[in-house]
Protein backbone atom coordinates (compact mmCIF):
# COMPACT_ATOMS: atom_id res chain seq x y z
CA MET A 1 -83.72 112.59 51.96
CA SER A 2 -81.86 110.19 49.68
CA VAL A 3 -78.55 111.71 48.62
CA THR A 4 -75.86 110.03 46.51
CA VAL A 5 -72.42 111.57 46.10
CA TYR A 6 -70.40 110.48 43.06
CA GLY A 7 -66.67 111.03 42.98
CA ILE A 8 -63.19 109.87 43.85
CA PRO A 9 -62.36 109.58 47.56
CA ASN A 10 -58.91 111.19 47.39
CA CYS A 11 -60.15 114.28 45.48
CA ASP A 12 -59.78 117.38 47.68
CA THR A 13 -63.10 118.83 46.53
CA VAL A 14 -64.91 115.55 47.27
CA LYS A 15 -63.29 115.47 50.72
CA LYS A 16 -64.46 119.03 51.38
CA ALA A 17 -67.98 118.22 50.18
CA ARG A 18 -68.22 115.07 52.30
CA LYS A 19 -66.98 116.98 55.36
CA TRP A 20 -69.65 119.63 54.69
CA LEU A 21 -72.38 116.96 54.49
CA ASP A 22 -71.13 115.22 57.65
CA ALA A 23 -71.05 118.52 59.58
CA ARG A 24 -74.71 119.11 58.72
CA GLY A 25 -75.82 115.57 59.45
CA VAL A 26 -76.85 114.90 55.85
CA ALA A 27 -76.84 111.13 55.28
CA TYR A 28 -75.55 110.07 51.89
CA ALA A 29 -74.32 107.11 49.89
CA PHE A 30 -70.92 107.45 48.23
CA HIS A 31 -70.24 106.06 44.75
CA ASP A 32 -66.52 105.69 44.05
CA TYR A 33 -65.81 105.87 40.32
CA LYS A 34 -62.49 104.10 40.77
CA LYS A 35 -64.09 101.03 42.35
CA GLN A 36 -67.65 101.11 41.01
CA GLY A 37 -67.19 102.66 37.56
CA ALA A 38 -69.25 105.31 35.83
CA ASP A 39 -72.51 104.34 34.15
CA PRO A 40 -72.88 105.98 30.71
CA ALA A 41 -76.68 106.15 31.07
CA ARG A 42 -76.38 107.95 34.41
CA ILE A 43 -73.78 110.37 32.98
CA ALA A 44 -76.10 111.04 30.03
CA GLY A 45 -78.86 111.88 32.51
CA TRP A 46 -76.59 114.37 34.26
CA VAL A 47 -75.71 115.92 30.90
CA ASP A 48 -79.42 116.23 30.08
CA VAL A 49 -79.98 118.12 33.35
CA ALA A 50 -76.81 120.22 33.68
CA GLY A 51 -75.26 120.26 30.20
CA TRP A 52 -72.09 118.46 29.14
CA GLY A 53 -70.03 121.63 29.52
CA LYS A 54 -70.73 121.66 33.25
CA VAL A 55 -70.35 117.91 33.86
CA LEU A 56 -67.13 117.46 31.86
CA ASN A 57 -64.05 118.63 33.75
CA ARG A 58 -61.91 120.06 30.96
CA ALA A 59 -59.51 121.72 33.42
CA GLY A 60 -58.26 118.47 34.97
CA THR A 61 -55.05 116.69 34.08
CA THR A 62 -56.88 113.56 32.89
CA PHE A 63 -58.76 115.52 30.22
CA ARG A 64 -55.69 117.50 29.20
CA LYS A 65 -53.74 114.26 28.68
CA LEU A 66 -56.36 112.74 26.38
CA PRO A 67 -55.52 112.43 22.68
CA ASP A 68 -56.56 115.50 20.68
CA ALA A 69 -59.06 113.37 18.75
CA ASP A 70 -60.98 112.78 22.01
CA LYS A 71 -60.99 116.49 22.89
CA GLN A 72 -62.02 117.89 19.52
CA GLY A 73 -65.54 118.11 18.17
CA LEU A 74 -67.15 117.57 21.54
CA ASP A 75 -70.90 117.33 21.78
CA ALA A 76 -73.12 115.72 24.40
CA ASP A 77 -72.74 112.16 23.07
CA LYS A 78 -68.97 112.37 22.67
CA ALA A 79 -68.56 114.02 26.09
CA VAL A 80 -70.58 111.20 27.73
CA ALA A 81 -68.37 108.61 26.00
CA VAL A 82 -65.19 110.38 27.16
CA MET A 83 -66.47 110.60 30.76
CA ALA A 84 -67.62 106.97 30.82
CA ALA A 85 -64.21 105.81 29.59
CA ASN A 86 -62.33 108.25 31.85
CA PRO A 87 -64.35 108.88 35.04
CA SER A 88 -61.67 111.30 36.29
CA CYS A 89 -62.95 113.64 33.56
CA ILE A 90 -66.27 114.05 35.40
CA LYS A 91 -66.48 117.23 37.47
CA ARG A 92 -66.49 116.29 41.14
CA PRO A 93 -68.51 115.74 43.08
CA VAL A 94 -71.83 115.08 41.39
CA VAL A 95 -74.71 114.83 43.86
CA GLU A 96 -78.13 113.40 43.14
CA TYR A 97 -80.80 114.39 45.63
CA PRO A 98 -84.60 114.34 45.54
CA GLY A 99 -85.62 116.91 42.97
CA GLY A 100 -82.18 117.93 41.79
CA LEU A 101 -78.56 117.58 40.83
CA LEU A 102 -75.45 119.38 42.04
CA VAL A 103 -72.23 119.43 40.01
CA GLY A 104 -69.10 120.59 41.80
CA PHE A 105 -68.99 122.00 45.30
CA LYS A 106 -70.32 125.51 45.82
CA GLU A 107 -71.28 125.90 49.45
CA ALA A 108 -74.11 128.44 48.91
CA GLU A 109 -75.66 126.25 46.21
CA TRP A 110 -75.43 123.18 48.45
CA GLU A 111 -76.89 125.06 51.44
CA THR A 112 -79.95 126.02 49.39
CA ALA A 113 -80.43 122.55 47.89
CA LEU A 114 -79.69 120.31 50.87
CA SER A 115 -80.70 122.22 53.97
């Protein structure tokens, strides 16, 4: 199974998710937004699958610190642009696996999808 985890290495949720994968012997590639950036086309694909409301982390400090103009009138295109410019605004982790996408870390959801 080809699994790619997208996130930021020092994020507590990403750490928990990676530990979960390691404990179950699930091999994965890790994409670090800080070092490798966030591809707008890939983000748009995630939004198509999961919806921008799920992919955009509006609860995080990065989003809350954005100018009001960036936070108002959000739609899919604007949310993708905000996330591409500010990868810390992407809910973490995002996991691509054969046949699906996981956004955030919910153990039961991951167990079903990746076991």
